[in-house]
């Protein structure tokens, strides 16, 4: 099933520095996300760039591990940023996306509508890969009790 390798990723900047408040820095990360997606390293389904961290919904290509896909993004961004010192905290957090409930990264409610958040896939800044057909629909009970 193609949904088995979709991951919700969170990665945080070093010392939670709000580097993505700077438009040029956020745009560089957008370029890196598009670059490695276009190279076939992963499918990019959704993203949101917050001031000091990033959420991604990605599916690594079959021959690339999740760790390697994230390394392309973080390492490529750091290299092109040419920053002295660490840019990211080591590692990242992730969980597999099992159903459509897991499939929305914009949760902080910093804006009323996801489309209003400047650096997110909802804003149409980058073309996104389609929602995988293999995702299980959420259960009726979960849908009825969802906040």
Foldseek 3Di string as FASTA:
>chain_A
DQLQQKKKKKWWWVVLQQCVVDVVLLVLLVVQVVVCVVVQQWFWAKKADGRTMIITTIGGDPVDDPVVSVCSSLVVSCVVVVDPDGTTDPDIDMDRQAAVVPVDDPDPCPDVDPCPRDRIVSVVPDDGDHDDPPHDYDDPVCVVPPD
